[in-house]
Amino acid sequence: MLRMRDKYLHTNCLAALANMSAQFKGLHPYVAQRIVSLFETLARKHARLVDGLQGVEAEEGGEDGFDEVTEAVQDAAVLEEVLRMVLEIINSCLVHQTQHNPNLIYTILYKKDLFELAAKNPAFQVC
């Protein structure tokens, strides 16, 4: 995702999933695991990026250091947006088709620590 630098490709693909997510019924266990795994992978990348940004010292390099930090901030913002969209997909699926998607519920319960960490992150809290 970060290699292609095409924010709109990922946004459009996730938007298509988000539009269909209210009608998801009988998700296969593998599909439920992949959705949660996507969130997990992106959350780890986001956490590494944010930790790296917090660890950057203000005294490092001139122009090149500034460009790298700016690029990292942009990458973190894109990841936050994608993570929010994945959370919206999961939420929509649960709100509209809870009784028809037990595999998604089981997968979320299995990875509940991941979602508890996300709930503590101010970037993913609803205002």
N, C-alpha and C. Protein backbone atom coordinates (compact mmCIF):
# COMPACT_ATOMS: atom_id res chain seq x y z
N MET A 1 0.81 -1.18 0.00
CA MET A 1 0.00 0.00 0.00
C MET A 1 0.86 1.25 0.00
N LEU A 2 1.87 1.26 0.84
CA LEU A 2 2.72 2.44 0.92
C LEU A 2 3.66 2.54 -0.27
N ARG A 3 3.94 1.41 -0.91
CA ARG A 3 4.84 1.44 -2.06
C ARG A 3 4.20 2.11 -3.26
N MET A 4 2.91 1.87 -3.46
CA MET A 4 2.24 2.40 -4.64
C MET A 4 1.94 3.90 -4.51
N ARG A 5 1.78 4.38 -3.29
CA ARG A 5 1.50 5.79 -3.02
C ARG A 5 0.22 6.28 -3.71
N ASP A 6 -0.68 5.34 -4.01
CA ASP A 6 -1.94 5.73 -4.62
C ASP A 6 -3.05 5.59 -3.59
N LYS A 7 -3.28 6.66 -2.88
CA LYS A 7 -4.26 6.68 -1.81
C LYS A 7 -5.66 6.36 -2.34
N TYR A 8 -5.99 6.82 -3.52
CA TYR A 8 -7.33 6.69 -4.05
C TYR A 8 -7.67 5.27 -4.48
N LEU A 9 -6.70 4.50 -4.93
CA LEU A 9 -6.95 3.10 -5.30
C LEU A 9 -7.45 2.33 -4.09
N HIS A 10 -6.75 2.46 -2.98
CA HIS A 10 -7.13 1.74 -1.77
C HIS A 10 -8.44 2.29 -1.20
N THR A 11 -8.61 3.59 -1.26
CA THR A 11 -9.84 4.20 -0.76
C THR A 11 -11.04 3.71 -1.56
N ASN A 12 -10.91 3.65 -2.86
CA ASN A 12 -12.02 3.21 -3.71
C ASN A 12 -12.34 1.73 -3.50
N CYS A 13 -11.31 0.91 -3.37
CA CYS A 13 -11.54 -0.53 -3.13
C CYS A 13 -12.24 -0.74 -1.79
N LEU A 14 -11.78 -0.04 -0.77
CA LEU A 14 -12.41 -0.17 0.55
C LEU A 14 -13.81 0.45 0.55
N ALA A 15 -14.01 1.50 -0.22
CA ALA A 15 -15.34 2.10 -0.30
C ALA A 15 -16.34 1.13 -0.93
N ALA A 16 -15.90 0.37 -1.92
CA ALA A 16 -16.77 -0.64 -2.52
C ALA A 16 -17.14 -1.70 -1.49
N LEU A 17 -16.17 -2.14 -0.70
CA LEU A 17 -16.45 -3.10 0.37
C LEU A 17 -17.38 -2.50 1.41
N ALA A 18 -17.15 -1.24 1.75
CA ALA A 18 -17.99 -0.58 2.75
C ALA A 18 -19.43 -0.49 2.27
N ASN A 19 -19.62 -0.22 0.98
CA ASN A 19 -20.97 -0.14 0.43
C ASN A 19 -21.69 -1.48 0.47
N MET A 20 -20.95 -2.56 0.32
CA MET A 20 -21.55 -3.90 0.33
C MET A 20 -21.64 -4.49 1.72
N SER A 21 -20.91 -3.96 2.69
CA SER A 21 -20.77 -4.61 3.99
C SER A 21 -22.09 -4.76 4.74
N ALA A 22 -23.06 -3.92 4.50
CA ALA A 22 -24.34 -4.04 5.18
C ALA A 22 -25.10 -5.29 4.72
N GLN A 23 -24.72 -5.83 3.56
CA GLN A 23 -25.39 -7.02 3.04
C GLN A 23 -24.56 -8.29 3.20
N PHE A 24 -23.43 -8.22 3.88
CA PHE A 24 -22.62 -9.43 4.09
C PHE A 24 -23.41 -10.41 4.94
N LYS A 25 -23.61 -11.62 4.41
CA LYS A 25 -24.31 -12.67 5.16
C LYS A 25 -23.49 -13.95 5.05
N GLY A 26 -23.38 -14.65 6.14
CA GLY A 26 -22.72 -15.95 6.12
C GLY A 26 -21.27 -15.88 5.69
N LEU A 27 -20.53 -14.92 6.21
CA LEU A 27 -19.12 -14.82 5.85
C LEU A 27 -18.38 -16.10 6.22
N HIS A 28 -17.61 -16.59 5.31
CA HIS A 28 -16.79 -17.78 5.55
C HIS A 28 -15.76 -17.43 6.62
N PRO A 29 -15.34 -18.42 7.43
CA PRO A 29 -14.34 -18.13 8.46
C PRO A 29 -13.05 -17.52 7.90
N TYR A 30 -12.64 -17.97 6.72
CA TYR A 30 -11.42 -17.44 6.12
C TYR A 30 -11.58 -15.96 5.78
N VAL A 31 -12.74 -15.58 5.26
CA VAL A 31 -12.99 -14.18 4.91
C VAL A 31 -13.00 -13.31 6.17
N ALA A 32 -13.64 -13.80 7.22
CA ALA A 32 -13.67 -13.06 8.48
C ALA A 32 -12.25 -12.88 9.03
N GLN A 33 -11.47 -13.93 8.96
CA GLN A 33 -10.08 -13.85 9.43
C GLN A 33 -9.26 -12.87 8.59
N ARG A 34 -9.47 -12.85 7.29
CA ARG A 34 -8.72 -11.94 6.42
C ARG A 34 -9.09 -10.48 6.69
N ILE A 35 -10.34 -10.21 6.96
CA ILE A 35 -10.75 -8.83 7.25
C ILE A 35 -10.08 -8.36 8.54
N VAL A 36 -10.14 -9.20 9.56
CA VAL A 36 -9.52 -8.83 10.84
C VAL A 36 -8.00 -8.81 10.70
N SER A 37 -7.45 -9.71 9.92
CA SER A 37 -6.01 -9.73 9.69
C SER A 37 -5.54 -8.48 8.95
N LEU A 38 -6.34 -8.00 8.02
CA LEU A 38 -6.02 -6.74 7.32
C LEU A 38 -5.93 -5.61 8.33
N PHE A 39 -6.91 -5.53 9.21
CA PHE A 39 -6.88 -4.49 10.24
C PHE A 39 -5.66 -4.64 11.13
N GLU A 40 -5.34 -5.88 11.51
CA GLU A 40 -4.19 -6.12 12.38
C GLU A 40 -2.88 -5.70 11.72
N THR A 41 -2.70 -6.07 10.48
CA THR A 41 -1.48 -5.74 9.74
C THR A 41 -1.32 -4.23 9.60
N LEU A 42 -2.39 -3.56 9.21
CA LEU A 42 -2.33 -2.12 9.05
C LEU A 42 -2.13 -1.41 10.38
N ALA A 43 -2.73 -1.93 11.45
CA ALA A 43 -2.56 -1.33 12.77
C ALA A 43 -1.11 -1.45 13.24
N ARG A 44 -0.47 -2.57 12.95
CA ARG A 44 0.94 -2.74 13.31
C ARG A 44 1.83 -1.77 12.54
N LYS A 45 1.56 -1.64 11.23
CA LYS A 45 2.33 -0.68 10.42
C LYS A 45 2.15 0.73 10.94
N HIS A 46 0.92 1.07 11.27
CA HIS A 46 0.63 2.40 11.78
C HIS A 46 1.35 2.63 13.11
N ALA A 47 1.32 1.65 13.98
CA ALA A 47 1.99 1.79 15.28
C ALA A 47 3.49 1.97 15.11
N ARG A 48 4.10 1.21 14.19
CA ARG A 48 5.54 1.35 13.93
C ARG A 48 5.85 2.73 13.39
N LEU A 49 5.03 3.21 12.48
CA LEU A 49 5.24 4.54 11.90
C LEU A 49 5.13 5.63 12.97
N VAL A 50 4.12 5.54 13.81
CA VAL A 50 3.92 6.55 14.85
C VAL A 50 5.05 6.49 15.87
N ASP A 51 5.47 5.28 16.24
CA ASP A 51 6.59 5.14 17.17
C ASP A 51 7.87 5.72 16.56
N GLY A 52 8.08 5.48 15.27
CA GLY A 52 9.24 6.03 14.59
C GLY A 52 9.21 7.55 14.55
N LEU A 53 8.03 8.09 14.34
CA LEU A 53 7.90 9.55 14.32
C LEU A 53 8.15 10.15 15.70
N GLN A 54 7.70 9.48 16.73
CA GLN A 54 7.91 9.98 18.08
C GLN A 54 9.37 9.88 18.47
N GLY A 55 10.08 8.89 17.90
CA GLY A 55 11.48 8.69 18.23
C GLY A 55 12.43 9.59 17.47
N VAL A 56 11.93 10.28 16.45
CA VAL A 56 12.78 11.15 15.65
C VAL A 56 13.19 12.37 16.49
N GLU A 57 14.46 12.63 16.50
CA GLU A 57 14.96 13.79 17.24
C GLU A 57 14.90 15.03 16.36
N ALA A 58 14.62 16.15 16.95
CA ALA A 58 14.48 17.40 16.20
C ALA A 58 15.80 17.86 15.60
N GLU A 59 16.90 17.40 16.14
CA GLU A 59 18.21 17.88 15.70
C GLU A 59 18.76 17.15 14.49
N GLU A 60 18.09 16.10 14.02
CA GLU A 60 18.60 15.30 12.92
C GLU A 60 18.49 16.05 11.61
N GLY A 61 19.51 15.89 10.74
CA GLY A 61 19.55 16.35 9.36
C GLY A 61 18.81 17.63 9.05
N GLY A 62 19.03 18.17 7.89
CA GLY A 62 18.36 19.39 7.45
C GLY A 62 17.17 19.08 6.58
N GLU A 63 17.31 19.37 5.31
CA GLU A 63 16.22 19.20 4.35
C GLU A 63 15.79 17.74 4.21
N ASP A 64 16.77 16.83 4.09
CA ASP A 64 16.45 15.42 3.89
C ASP A 64 15.68 14.86 5.08
N GLY A 65 16.08 15.18 6.29
CA GLY A 65 15.39 14.71 7.48
C GLY A 65 13.97 15.22 7.53
N PHE A 66 13.77 16.47 7.14
CA PHE A 66 12.43 17.06 7.13
C PHE A 66 11.53 16.36 6.10
N ASP A 67 12.10 16.08 4.92
CA ASP A 67 11.32 15.41 3.88
C ASP A 67 10.90 14.01 4.33
N GLU A 68 11.81 13.29 4.99
CA GLU A 68 11.48 11.95 5.46
C GLU A 68 10.39 11.99 6.53
N VAL A 69 10.47 12.95 7.43
CA VAL A 69 9.46 13.07 8.48
C VAL A 69 8.11 13.44 7.86
N THR A 70 8.12 14.37 6.91
CA THR A 70 6.88 14.77 6.24
C THR A 70 6.25 13.58 5.53
N GLU A 71 7.07 12.80 4.86
CA GLU A 71 6.58 11.62 4.15
C GLU A 71 6.00 10.60 5.14
N ALA A 72 6.66 10.42 6.27
CA ALA A 72 6.18 9.49 7.29
C ALA A 72 4.86 9.96 7.89
N VAL A 73 4.72 11.25 8.08
CA VAL A 73 3.46 11.80 8.61
C VAL A 73 2.33 11.57 7.61
N GLN A 74 2.60 11.77 6.33
CA GLN A 74 1.60 11.52 5.29
C GLN A 74 1.21 10.05 5.25
N ASP A 75 2.21 9.16 5.36
CA ASP A 75 1.94 7.72 5.37
C ASP A 75 1.07 7.34 6.56
N ALA A 76 1.36 7.92 7.72
CA ALA A 76 0.57 7.64 8.92
C ALA A 76 -0.86 8.11 8.74
N ALA A 77 -1.05 9.26 8.12
CA ALA A 77 -2.40 9.78 7.89
C ALA A 77 -3.18 8.89 6.94
N VAL A 78 -2.52 8.41 5.89
CA VAL A 78 -3.19 7.50 4.95
C VAL A 78 -3.56 6.20 5.65
N LEU A 79 -2.65 5.67 6.46
CA LEU A 79 -2.94 4.44 7.18
C LEU A 79 -4.11 4.64 8.16
N GLU A 80 -4.16 5.77 8.82
CA GLU A 80 -5.27 6.05 9.74
C GLU A 80 -6.60 6.05 8.98
N GLU A 81 -6.61 6.66 7.82
CA GLU A 81 -7.84 6.70 7.03
C GLU A 81 -8.26 5.30 6.59
N VAL A 82 -7.31 4.50 6.16
CA VAL A 82 -7.61 3.14 5.73
C VAL A 82 -8.08 2.31 6.92
N LEU A 83 -7.44 2.47 8.07
CA LEU A 83 -7.87 1.74 9.26
C LEU A 83 -9.29 2.13 9.66
N ARG A 84 -9.62 3.39 9.57
CA ARG A 84 -10.99 3.82 9.88
C ARG A 84 -11.99 3.17 8.92
N MET A 85 -11.61 3.08 7.66
CA MET A 85 -12.51 2.46 6.68
C MET A 85 -12.71 0.98 6.97
N VAL A 86 -11.65 0.29 7.36
CA VAL A 86 -11.78 -1.14 7.70
C VAL A 86 -12.68 -1.29 8.92
N LEU A 87 -12.51 -0.40 9.90
CA LEU A 87 -13.38 -0.44 11.08
C LEU A 87 -14.84 -0.16 10.69
N GLU A 88 -15.06 0.74 9.76
CA GLU A 88 -16.41 1.02 9.28
C GLU A 88 -17.02 -0.20 8.61
N ILE A 89 -16.22 -0.92 7.84
CA ILE A 89 -16.70 -2.14 7.18
C ILE A 89 -17.12 -3.17 8.22
N ILE A 90 -16.28 -3.39 9.21
CA ILE A 90 -16.59 -4.36 10.26
C ILE A 90 -17.83 -3.91 11.03
N ASN A 91 -17.90 -2.64 11.37
CA ASN A 91 -19.05 -2.12 12.11
C ASN A 91 -20.34 -2.28 11.33
N SER A 92 -20.31 -1.92 10.07
CA SER A 92 -21.51 -2.03 9.25
C SER A 92 -21.98 -3.48 9.14
N CYS A 93 -21.06 -4.36 8.98
CA CYS A 93 -21.39 -5.79 8.90
C CYS A 93 -22.04 -6.27 10.20
N LEU A 94 -21.48 -5.83 11.32
CA LEU A 94 -22.02 -6.25 12.61
C LEU A 94 -23.37 -5.61 12.91
N VAL A 95 -23.52 -4.35 12.59
CA VAL A 95 -24.76 -3.64 12.89
C VAL A 95 -25.93 -4.19 12.08
N HIS A 96 -25.70 -4.45 10.80
CA HIS A 96 -26.80 -4.83 9.91
C HIS A 96 -27.03 -6.33 9.79
N GLN A 97 -26.01 -7.14 10.01
CA GLN A 97 -26.15 -8.58 9.79
C GLN A 97 -25.52 -9.40 10.92
N THR A 98 -25.72 -8.98 12.14
CA THR A 98 -25.08 -9.66 13.28
C THR A 98 -25.40 -11.14 13.31
N GLN A 99 -26.68 -11.49 13.24
CA GLN A 99 -27.08 -12.88 13.39
C GLN A 99 -26.62 -13.76 12.24
N HIS A 100 -26.26 -13.16 11.11
CA HIS A 100 -25.85 -13.94 9.94
C HIS A 100 -24.33 -14.06 9.80
N ASN A 101 -23.57 -13.52 10.74
CA ASN A 101 -22.11 -13.54 10.63
C ASN A 101 -21.43 -13.98 11.93
N PRO A 102 -21.72 -15.18 12.38
CA PRO A 102 -21.08 -15.63 13.63
C PRO A 102 -19.57 -15.79 13.48
N ASN A 103 -19.10 -16.12 12.29
CA ASN A 103 -17.66 -16.30 12.11
C ASN A 103 -16.89 -15.00 12.31
N LEU A 104 -17.48 -13.90 11.88
CA LEU A 104 -16.85 -12.60 12.10
C LEU A 104 -16.82 -12.26 13.59
N ILE A 105 -17.91 -12.55 14.27
CA ILE A 105 -17.97 -12.30 15.71
C ILE A 105 -16.93 -13.13 16.44
N TYR A 106 -16.82 -14.40 16.09
CA TYR A 106 -15.81 -15.27 16.73
C TYR A 106 -14.39 -14.76 16.47
N THR A 107 -14.14 -14.33 15.25
CA THR A 107 -12.81 -13.82 14.91
C THR A 107 -12.49 -12.55 15.69
N ILE A 108 -13.47 -11.67 15.81
CA ILE A 108 -13.26 -10.43 16.57
C ILE A 108 -13.02 -10.76 18.05
N LEU A 109 -13.79 -11.70 18.58
CA LEU A 109 -13.58 -12.08 19.98
C LEU A 109 -12.20 -12.71 20.19
N TYR A 110 -11.76 -13.47 19.21
CA TYR A 110 -10.44 -14.10 19.30
C TYR A 110 -9.34 -13.05 19.31
N LYS A 111 -9.54 -11.97 18.58
CA LYS A 111 -8.55 -10.89 18.48
C LYS A 111 -9.00 -9.65 19.25
N LYS A 112 -9.74 -9.82 20.32
CA LYS A 112 -10.32 -8.68 21.03
C LYS A 112 -9.26 -7.73 21.58
N ASP A 113 -8.08 -8.23 21.92
CA ASP A 113 -7.01 -7.35 22.42
C ASP A 113 -6.61 -6.32 21.37
N LEU A 114 -6.65 -6.71 20.12
CA LEU A 114 -6.33 -5.79 19.02
C LEU A 114 -7.33 -4.64 18.97
N PHE A 115 -8.60 -4.96 19.15
CA PHE A 115 -9.63 -3.93 19.09
C PHE A 115 -9.65 -3.09 20.36
N GLU A 116 -9.25 -3.68 21.48
CA GLU A 116 -9.14 -2.90 22.72
C GLU A 116 -8.04 -1.85 22.60
N LEU A 117 -6.93 -2.21 21.95
CA LEU A 117 -5.86 -1.24 21.71
C LEU A 117 -6.33 -0.12 20.78
N ALA A 118 -7.08 -0.49 19.77
CA ALA A 118 -7.59 0.51 18.83
C ALA A 118 -8.59 1.44 19.52
N ALA A 119 -9.35 0.92 20.46
CA ALA A 119 -10.32 1.76 21.18
C ALA A 119 -9.63 2.81 22.03
N LYS A 120 -8.42 2.52 22.47
CA LYS A 120 -7.66 3.47 23.30
C LYS A 120 -6.96 4.54 22.46
N ASN A 121 -6.84 4.28 21.16
CA ASN A 121 -6.17 5.22 20.27
C ASN A 121 -7.11 6.36 19.92
N PRO A 122 -6.74 7.61 20.22
CA PRO A 122 -7.63 8.73 19.94
C PRO A 122 -7.95 8.91 18.45
N ALA A 123 -7.11 8.41 17.58
CA ALA A 123 -7.36 8.55 16.14
C ALA A 123 -8.56 7.75 15.69
N PHE A 124 -8.94 6.72 16.45
CA PHE A 124 -10.05 5.84 16.03
C PHE A 124 -11.27 5.98 16.91
N GLN A 125 -11.28 6.97 17.78
CA GLN A 125 -12.44 7.17 18.63
C GLN A 125 -13.42 8.11 17.94
N VAL A 126 -14.68 7.85 18.16
CA VAL A 126 -15.73 8.68 17.56
C VAL A 126 -15.92 9.90 18.44
N CYS A 127 -16.00 11.04 17.80
CA CYS A 127 -16.19 12.30 18.55
C CYS A 127 -17.63 12.52 18.89
